Amino acid sequence: MVLVPVKAFARAKARLAPSLEPAQRASLARVMAEHVLAAATPLPVAVVCDDDDVARWAAGHGAMVLPEPGRGLDGAVETGVRRLADAGADEVLVVHADLPWAADLARLAGFEGVTLVPDRRQDGTNVACVPAHSWFRFSYGAGSFLRHQAETARLGLPLRIIREPALGADVDLPADIPMSLARWHMP
């Protein structure tokens, strides 16, 4: 099962504000999220969100919607993983919605432990595949890759790290916007 946390499109990618207008940031966030959902095929997808527009968008793309208002990213992901575990999932592949080069995400599933995919800076965690019933504690933000490794060790689970340029390329800064999406960068 794939879990994609999606922030309200209107509030997404605030760090791109110096280069993109609000409507451009919302469009870019939506395009990247649609790409991630497509890259999850053939796995079932759930979107955890705190926004009605995102919930309608996710349902329109065939995703299960897990509304989790007011929990923040860590709380929303942890609660989403638990809800999927309660629904019968054995493992959950948490994939962030700002990965414009994501492809064939199903290949990351099936490891008997935790799989982590860091961002290109080896600082953040773009993808984490965890056993659904492990009670893994997520801790996103700067330094999350090291914290997630420590959490894996705390739980005594095997760790697999996959460093892959396509999955390491998230969009946090204007320079991160791929040329193929440059039209969203135009004023």
Protein backbone atom coordinates (compact mmCIF):
# COMPACT_ATOMS: atom_id res chain seq x y z
CA MET A 1 0.00 0.00 0.00
CA VAL A 2 1.28 3.48 -0.85
CA LEU A 3 0.55 6.43 1.42
CA VAL A 4 1.02 9.90 -0.06
CA PRO A 5 0.78 12.87 2.29
CA VAL A 6 -0.56 15.84 0.34
CA LYS A 7 -0.68 19.35 1.71
CA ALA A 8 -3.42 21.74 0.59
CA PHE A 9 -2.44 22.77 -2.92
CA ALA A 10 -3.08 26.43 -2.07
CA ARG A 11 -0.50 26.22 0.78
CA ALA A 12 2.00 23.90 -0.88
CA LYS A 13 5.57 24.75 -1.80
CA ALA A 14 5.76 28.00 0.19
CA ARG A 15 9.57 28.01 -0.15
CA LEU A 16 9.04 28.59 -3.87
CA ALA A 17 7.19 31.87 -3.20
CA PRO A 18 10.09 34.08 -4.31
CA SER A 19 9.89 32.53 -7.79
CA LEU A 20 6.30 31.39 -8.23
CA GLU A 21 2.92 33.01 -7.71
CA PRO A 22 0.45 31.16 -5.44
CA ALA A 23 -1.54 29.76 -8.39
CA GLN A 24 1.68 28.49 -10.03
CA ARG A 25 2.78 26.79 -6.80
CA ALA A 26 -0.63 25.14 -6.45
CA SER A 27 -0.52 23.92 -10.06
CA LEU A 28 3.02 22.61 -9.66
CA ALA A 29 2.10 20.77 -6.45
CA ARG A 30 -0.93 19.21 -8.14
CA VAL A 31 1.04 18.09 -11.22
CA MET A 32 3.76 16.49 -9.10
CA ALA A 33 1.23 14.76 -6.84
CA GLU A 34 -0.58 13.35 -9.89
CA HIS A 35 2.75 12.03 -11.15
CA VAL A 36 3.48 10.31 -7.82
CA LEU A 37 0.04 8.67 -7.79
CA ALA A 38 0.65 7.38 -11.32
CA ALA A 39 4.11 6.09 -10.31
CA ALA A 40 2.48 4.00 -7.57
CA THR A 41 0.64 1.81 -10.06
CA PRO A 42 -0.23 -1.08 -9.62
CA LEU A 43 -0.20 -0.67 -5.83
CA PRO A 44 -3.28 0.69 -4.06
CA VAL A 45 -2.87 4.30 -2.95
CA ALA A 46 -4.14 6.27 0.02
CA VAL A 47 -3.78 10.04 0.35
CA VAL A 48 -3.53 11.49 3.82
CA CYS A 49 -4.54 15.15 3.88
CA ASP A 50 -6.17 17.93 5.84
CA ASP A 51 -7.88 19.74 2.97
CA ASP A 52 -11.26 19.16 1.30
CA ASP A 53 -9.96 20.13 -2.16
CA VAL A 54 -7.13 17.60 -1.88
CA ALA A 55 -9.57 14.97 -0.61
CA ARG A 56 -11.83 15.48 -3.66
CA TRP A 57 -8.80 15.44 -5.97
CA ALA A 58 -7.51 12.20 -4.42
CA ALA A 59 -10.89 10.48 -4.63
CA GLY A 60 -11.14 11.59 -8.26
CA HIS A 61 -7.85 9.80 -8.91
CA GLY A 62 -9.09 6.58 -7.31
CA ALA A 63 -7.11 6.93 -4.09
CA MET A 64 -8.43 6.08 -0.65
CA VAL A 65 -8.76 9.34 1.30
CA LEU A 66 -7.56 9.51 4.90
CA PRO A 67 -8.50 12.91 6.33
CA GLU A 68 -6.24 13.87 9.22
CA PRO A 69 -6.76 17.56 9.99
CA GLY A 70 -4.48 19.37 12.41
CA ARG A 71 -1.93 16.59 12.92
CA GLY A 72 1.00 18.00 10.95
CA LEU A 73 3.07 15.84 8.64
CA ASP A 74 4.48 13.44 11.25
CA GLY A 75 1.15 12.87 12.97
CA ALA A 76 -0.78 12.53 9.72
CA VAL A 77 1.64 9.94 8.34
CA GLU A 78 1.77 7.93 11.58
CA THR A 79 -2.01 7.91 11.88
CA GLY A 80 -2.34 7.07 8.18
CA VAL A 81 0.01 4.10 8.53
CA ARG A 82 -1.93 2.84 11.56
CA ARG A 83 -5.25 3.18 9.75
CA LEU A 84 -3.87 1.22 6.80
CA ALA A 85 -2.51 -1.44 9.18
CA ASP A 86 -5.95 -1.71 10.78
CA ALA A 87 -7.39 -2.15 7.27
CA GLY A 88 -5.07 -5.10 6.62
CA ALA A 89 -1.91 -3.60 5.09
CA ASP A 90 1.30 -5.45 5.95
CA GLU A 91 3.63 -2.68 4.80
CA VAL A 92 3.18 0.95 3.87
CA LEU A 93 5.27 2.82 1.37
CA VAL A 94 5.19 6.52 2.35
CA VAL A 95 6.02 8.62 -0.70
CA HIS A 96 6.10 12.40 -0.71
CA ALA A 97 4.11 14.18 -3.37
CA ASP A 98 6.93 16.38 -4.70
CA LEU A 99 8.96 13.78 -6.58
CA PRO A 100 8.69 14.73 -10.27
CA TRP A 101 10.89 11.82 -11.44
CA ALA A 102 9.30 9.06 -9.35
CA ALA A 103 8.71 5.84 -11.27
CA ASP A 104 7.88 2.21 -10.56
CA LEU A 105 7.42 2.68 -6.81
CA ALA A 106 6.21 -0.90 -6.39
CA ARG A 107 9.81 -2.13 -6.71
CA LEU A 108 10.56 -0.59 -3.30
CA ALA A 109 8.06 -2.83 -1.52
CA GLY A 110 8.67 -6.30 -0.16
CA PHE A 111 11.73 -5.83 2.06
CA GLU A 112 11.35 -7.35 5.55
CA GLY A 113 12.32 -4.24 7.43
CA VAL A 114 12.51 -0.53 6.65
CA THR A 115 13.51 0.93 3.31
CA LEU A 116 14.60 4.58 3.29
CA VAL A 117 15.24 6.75 0.25
CA PRO A 118 16.99 10.01 1.14
CA ASP A 119 16.76 13.25 -0.76
CA ARG A 120 19.71 14.26 -2.94
CA ARG A 121 21.23 16.17 -0.02
CA GLN A 122 21.19 13.00 2.15
CA ASP A 123 19.24 15.02 4.72
CA GLY A 124 15.51 14.45 4.22
CA THR A 125 13.53 11.26 3.66
CA ASN A 126 11.61 11.22 0.38
CA VAL A 127 10.40 7.61 0.64
CA ALA A 128 10.05 5.28 3.62
CA CYS A 129 8.65 1.77 3.42
CA VAL A 130 7.80 0.41 6.86
CA PRO A 131 6.10 -2.66 8.27
CA ALA A 132 2.57 -1.46 8.94
CA HIS A 133 2.40 -2.85 12.47
CA SER A 134 5.84 -1.63 13.61
CA TRP A 135 4.66 1.63 15.23
CA PHE A 136 7.41 3.44 13.36
CA ARG A 137 7.73 7.04 14.61
CA PHE A 138 8.11 9.45 11.72
CA SER A 139 10.11 12.63 12.19
CA TYR A 140 10.22 14.69 9.02
CA GLY A 141 12.06 17.94 8.43
CA ALA A 142 15.77 18.76 8.34
CA GLY A 143 17.81 15.74 9.41
CA SER A 144 14.95 13.26 9.02
CA PHE A 145 17.07 10.72 7.15
CA LEU A 146 19.33 10.20 10.18
CA ARG A 147 16.38 10.22 12.60
CA HIS A 148 14.57 7.60 10.54
CA GLN A 149 17.69 5.42 10.53
CA ALA A 150 17.84 5.75 14.33
CA GLU A 151 14.14 4.85 14.61
CA THR A 152 14.74 1.73 12.53
CA ALA A 153 17.57 0.74 14.89
CA ARG A 154 15.37 1.47 17.94
CA LEU A 155 12.78 -0.94 16.59
CA GLY A 156 15.44 -3.56 15.83
CA LEU A 157 14.40 -3.81 12.19
CA PRO A 158 16.64 -4.48 9.20
CA LEU A 159 17.45 -1.35 7.20
CA ARG A 160 17.77 -0.99 3.44
CA ILE A 161 18.89 2.37 2.06
CA ILE A 162 18.30 3.14 -1.60
CA ARG A 163 20.09 6.16 -2.99
CA GLU A 164 18.55 6.87 -6.35
CA PRO A 165 18.79 10.19 -8.17
CA ALA A 166 15.22 10.06 -9.50
CA LEU A 167 13.70 9.51 -6.05
CA GLY A 168 16.19 11.82 -4.37
CA ALA A 169 15.10 14.74 -6.54
CA ASP A 170 12.35 16.51 -4.61
CA VAL A 171 11.26 20.10 -5.20
CA ASP A 172 12.02 22.36 -2.26
CA LEU A 173 13.79 25.31 -3.89
CA PRO A 174 13.31 27.14 -7.21
CA ALA A 175 16.48 25.49 -8.59
CA ASP A 176 14.87 22.07 -7.94
CA ILE A 177 12.09 22.60 -10.49
CA PRO A 178 12.80 20.31 -13.45
CA MET A 179 13.07 21.90 -16.88
CA SER A 180 10.15 19.72 -18.00
CA LEU A 181 8.00 21.61 -15.50
CA ALA A 182 9.56 25.00 -16.26
CA ARG A 183 6.29 26.38 -17.59
CA TRP A 184 5.10 26.47 -13.96
CA HIS A 185 8.11 28.70 -13.25
CA MET A 186 7.11 31.37 -15.75
CA PRO A 187 5.82 34.65 -14.23
